Amino acid sequence: MAGELPHPDREDIQLTEVLFALSDPDRLTIARQLRGGPLDMAACHTTDPNLPKSTRSHLMKVLREAGVIRNDPNGRRRTLSLREDDLEARFPGLVDAVLGAQGAV
């Protein structure tokens, strides 16, 4: 399908890559937003509203390649969703532990 980006299969998601992806405050903010359900990529925001578009794209790429999110075409836009079921299947309790934690990163 045109516009389809590669995503790791569930069994290929690695804990170290997930933890690295979620170690950045902006990427963690995005993942927390997506916990409430899929969002249009334009609706996701980071802690810094002045972040360049290229930096935002890189944040999404790191999350996608780690298996934390899906980034799917939706017409001329993109829809982002948290791969909560896949993460829970691979690493039970991780999503609640990391995304539910409050405080400084």
C-alpha atoms as a PDB file:
ATOM      1  CA  MET A   1       0.000   0.000   0.000  1.00  0.00           C
ATOM      2  CA  ALA A   2       1.325   3.451  -0.916  1.00  0.00           C
ATOM      3  CA  GLY A   3       2.417   5.499   2.065  1.00  0.00           C
ATOM      4  CA  GLU A   4       2.722   2.438   4.298  1.00  0.00           C
ATOM      5  CA  LEU A   5       5.657   2.637   6.708  1.00  0.00           C
ATOM      6  CA  PRO A   6       7.470  -0.421   8.102  1.00  0.00           C
ATOM      7  CA  HIS A   7       6.556  -1.515  11.622  1.00  0.00           C
ATOM      8  CA  PRO A   8       8.211  -4.339  13.556  1.00  0.00           C
ATOM      9  CA  ASP A   9       6.132  -7.481  14.045  1.00  0.00           C
ATOM     10  CA  ARG A  10       5.012  -8.114  17.615  1.00  0.00           C
ATOM     11  CA  GLU A  11       7.617 -10.829  18.176  1.00  0.00           C
ATOM     12  CA  ASP A  12      10.390  -8.526  16.919  1.00  0.00           C
ATOM     13  CA  ILE A  13       9.745  -5.726  19.423  1.00  0.00           C
ATOM     14  CA  GLN A  14      12.767  -5.474  21.744  1.00  0.00           C
ATOM     15  CA  LEU A  15      12.570  -4.195  25.327  1.00  0.00           C
ATOM     16  CA  THR A  16      15.758  -2.128  25.033  1.00  0.00           C
ATOM     17  CA  GLU A  17      14.430  -0.310  21.962  1.00  0.00           C
ATOM     18  CA  VAL A  18      11.066   0.380  23.612  1.00  0.00           C
ATOM     19  CA  LEU A  19      12.721   1.737  26.743  1.00  0.00           C
ATOM     20  CA  PHE A  20      15.084   3.882  24.659  1.00  0.00           C
ATOM     21  CA  ALA A  21      12.178   5.279  22.635  1.00  0.00           C
ATOM     22  CA  LEU A  22      10.289   6.168  25.807  1.00  0.00           C
ATOM     23  CA  SER A  23      13.338   7.678  27.535  1.00  0.00           C
ATOM     24  CA  ASP A  24      12.935  11.009  25.724  1.00  0.00           C
ATOM     25  CA  PRO A  25      10.420  13.395  27.380  1.00  0.00           C
ATOM     26  CA  ASP A  26       8.847  14.431  24.058  1.00  0.00           C
ATOM     27  CA  ARG A  27       8.442  10.845  22.849  1.00  0.00           C
ATOM     28  CA  LEU A  28       7.011   9.867  26.234  1.00  0.00           C
ATOM     29  CA  THR A  29       4.511  12.739  25.988  1.00  0.00           C
ATOM     30  CA  ILE A  30       3.395  11.511  22.565  1.00  0.00           C
ATOM     31  CA  ALA A  31       2.972   7.921  23.807  1.00  0.00           C
ATOM     32  CA  ARG A  32       0.912   9.154  26.771  1.00  0.00           C
ATOM     33  CA  GLN A  33      -1.360  11.134  24.440  1.00  0.00           C
ATOM     34  CA  LEU A  34      -1.923   8.061  22.284  1.00  0.00           C
ATOM     35  CA  ARG A  35      -2.913   5.975  25.283  1.00  0.00           C
ATOM     36  CA  GLY A  36      -6.299   7.682  25.055  1.00  0.00           C
ATOM     37  CA  GLY A  37      -6.790   6.389  21.498  1.00  0.00           C
ATOM     38  CA  PRO A  38      -5.599   7.048  17.952  1.00  0.00           C
ATOM     39  CA  LEU A  39      -4.903  10.628  16.917  1.00  0.00           C
ATOM     40  CA  ASP A  40      -4.209  12.441  13.696  1.00  0.00           C
ATOM     41  CA  MET A  41      -0.464  13.056  13.522  1.00  0.00           C
ATOM     42  CA  ALA A  42      -1.100  16.813  13.429  1.00  0.00           C
ATOM     43  CA  ALA A  43      -3.004  16.593  16.738  1.00  0.00           C
ATOM     44  CA  CYS A  44      -0.085  15.033  18.637  1.00  0.00           C
ATOM     45  CA  HIS A  45       2.078  17.578  20.346  1.00  0.00           C
ATOM     46  CA  THR A  46       5.273  17.506  22.331  1.00  0.00           C
ATOM     47  CA  THR A  47       6.332  19.440  25.401  1.00  0.00           C
ATOM     48  CA  ASP A  48       7.962  22.047  23.141  1.00  0.00           C
ATOM     49  CA  PRO A  49       5.466  23.793  20.823  1.00  0.00           C
ATOM     50  CA  ASN A  50       8.325  25.352  18.793  1.00  0.00           C
ATOM     51  CA  LEU A  51       9.802  21.984  17.800  1.00  0.00           C
ATOM     52  CA  PRO A  52      10.590  21.883  14.049  1.00  0.00           C
ATOM     53  CA  LYS A  53       8.500  19.543  11.908  1.00  0.00           C
ATOM     54  CA  SER A  54      11.591  17.504  11.037  1.00  0.00           C
ATOM     55  CA  THR A  55      12.292  16.888  14.720  1.00  0.00           C
ATOM     56  CA  ARG A  56       8.674  15.842  15.322  1.00  0.00           C
ATOM     57  CA  SER A  57       8.934  13.435  12.398  1.00  0.00           C
ATOM     58  CA  HIS A  58      12.101  11.955  13.883  1.00  0.00           C
ATOM     59  CA  LEU A  59      10.382  11.475  17.257  1.00  0.00           C
ATOM     60  CA  MET A  60       7.557   9.579  15.532  1.00  0.00           C
ATOM     61  CA  LYS A  61      10.060   7.485  13.554  1.00  0.00           C
ATOM     62  CA  VAL A  62      11.906   6.387  16.706  1.00  0.00           C
ATOM     63  CA  LEU A  63       8.607   5.406  18.384  1.00  0.00           C
ATOM     64  CA  ARG A  64       7.423   3.536  15.281  1.00  0.00           C
ATOM     65  CA  GLU A  65      10.675   1.670  14.666  1.00  0.00           C
ATOM     66  CA  ALA A  66      10.784   0.595  18.323  1.00  0.00           C
ATOM     67  CA  GLY A  67       7.267  -0.831  18.020  1.00  0.00           C
ATOM     68  CA  VAL A  68       5.664   1.648  20.419  1.00  0.00           C
ATOM     69  CA  ILE A  69       3.291   3.237  17.901  1.00  0.00           C
ATOM     70  CA  ARG A  70       1.689   2.576  14.532  1.00  0.00           C
ATOM     71  CA  ASN A  71       1.779   5.333  11.932  1.00  0.00           C
ATOM     72  CA  ASP A  72      -0.791   4.545   9.255  1.00  0.00           C
ATOM     73  CA  PRO A  73      -1.920   6.473   6.180  1.00  0.00           C
ATOM     74  CA  ASN A  74      -5.402   7.956   6.406  1.00  0.00           C
ATOM     75  CA  GLY A  75      -6.131   9.782   3.167  1.00  0.00           C
ATOM     76  CA  ARG A  76      -3.696  12.689   2.949  1.00  0.00           C
ATOM     77  CA  ARG A  77      -2.998  12.520   6.666  1.00  0.00           C
ATOM     78  CA  ARG A  78      -1.486   9.978   9.050  1.00  0.00           C
ATOM     79  CA  THR A  79      -3.082   8.340  12.073  1.00  0.00           C
ATOM     80  CA  LEU A  80      -0.961   7.435  15.083  1.00  0.00           C
ATOM     81  CA  SER A  81      -1.907   4.763  17.597  1.00  0.00           C
ATOM     82  CA  LEU A  82      -0.214   3.183  20.584  1.00  0.00           C
ATOM     83  CA  ARG A  83       0.566  -0.515  20.108  1.00  0.00           C
ATOM     84  CA  GLU A  84      -0.642  -1.222  23.623  1.00  0.00           C
ATOM     85  CA  ASP A  85      -1.840  -4.778  22.918  1.00  0.00           C
ATOM     86  CA  ASP A  86       1.469  -5.740  21.306  1.00  0.00           C
ATOM     87  CA  LEU A  87       3.507  -4.150  24.095  1.00  0.00           C
ATOM     88  CA  GLU A  88       1.385  -5.788  26.792  1.00  0.00           C
ATOM     89  CA  ALA A  89       1.734  -9.190  25.097  1.00  0.00           C
ATOM     90  CA  ARG A  90       5.531  -8.857  24.871  1.00  0.00           C
ATOM     91  CA  PHE A  91       6.171  -7.090  28.192  1.00  0.00           C
ATOM     92  CA  PRO A  92       3.249  -7.467  30.631  1.00  0.00           C
ATOM     93  CA  GLY A  93       2.800  -4.415  32.845  1.00  0.00           C
ATOM     94  CA  LEU A  94       5.315  -2.239  30.993  1.00  0.00           C
ATOM     95  CA  VAL A  95       2.798   0.208  29.527  1.00  0.00           C
ATOM     96  CA  ASP A  96       1.160   0.857  32.896  1.00  0.00           C
ATOM     97  CA  ALA A  97       4.524   1.138  34.646  1.00  0.00           C
ATOM     98  CA  VAL A  98       6.123   3.539  32.186  1.00  0.00           C
ATOM     99  CA  LEU A  99       3.223   5.572  30.815  1.00  0.00           C
ATOM    100  CA  GLY A 100       1.483   5.745  34.175  1.00  0.00           C
ATOM    101  CA  ALA A 101       4.578   6.970  36.038  1.00  0.00           C
ATOM    102  CA  GLN A 102       4.612  10.632  36.958  1.00  0.00           C
ATOM    103  CA  GLY A 103       7.581  12.883  37.571  1.00  0.00           C
ATOM    104  CA  ALA A 104      10.711  13.924  35.769  1.00  0.00           C
ATOM    105  CA  VAL A 105      12.144  11.832  32.989  1.00  0.00           C
END
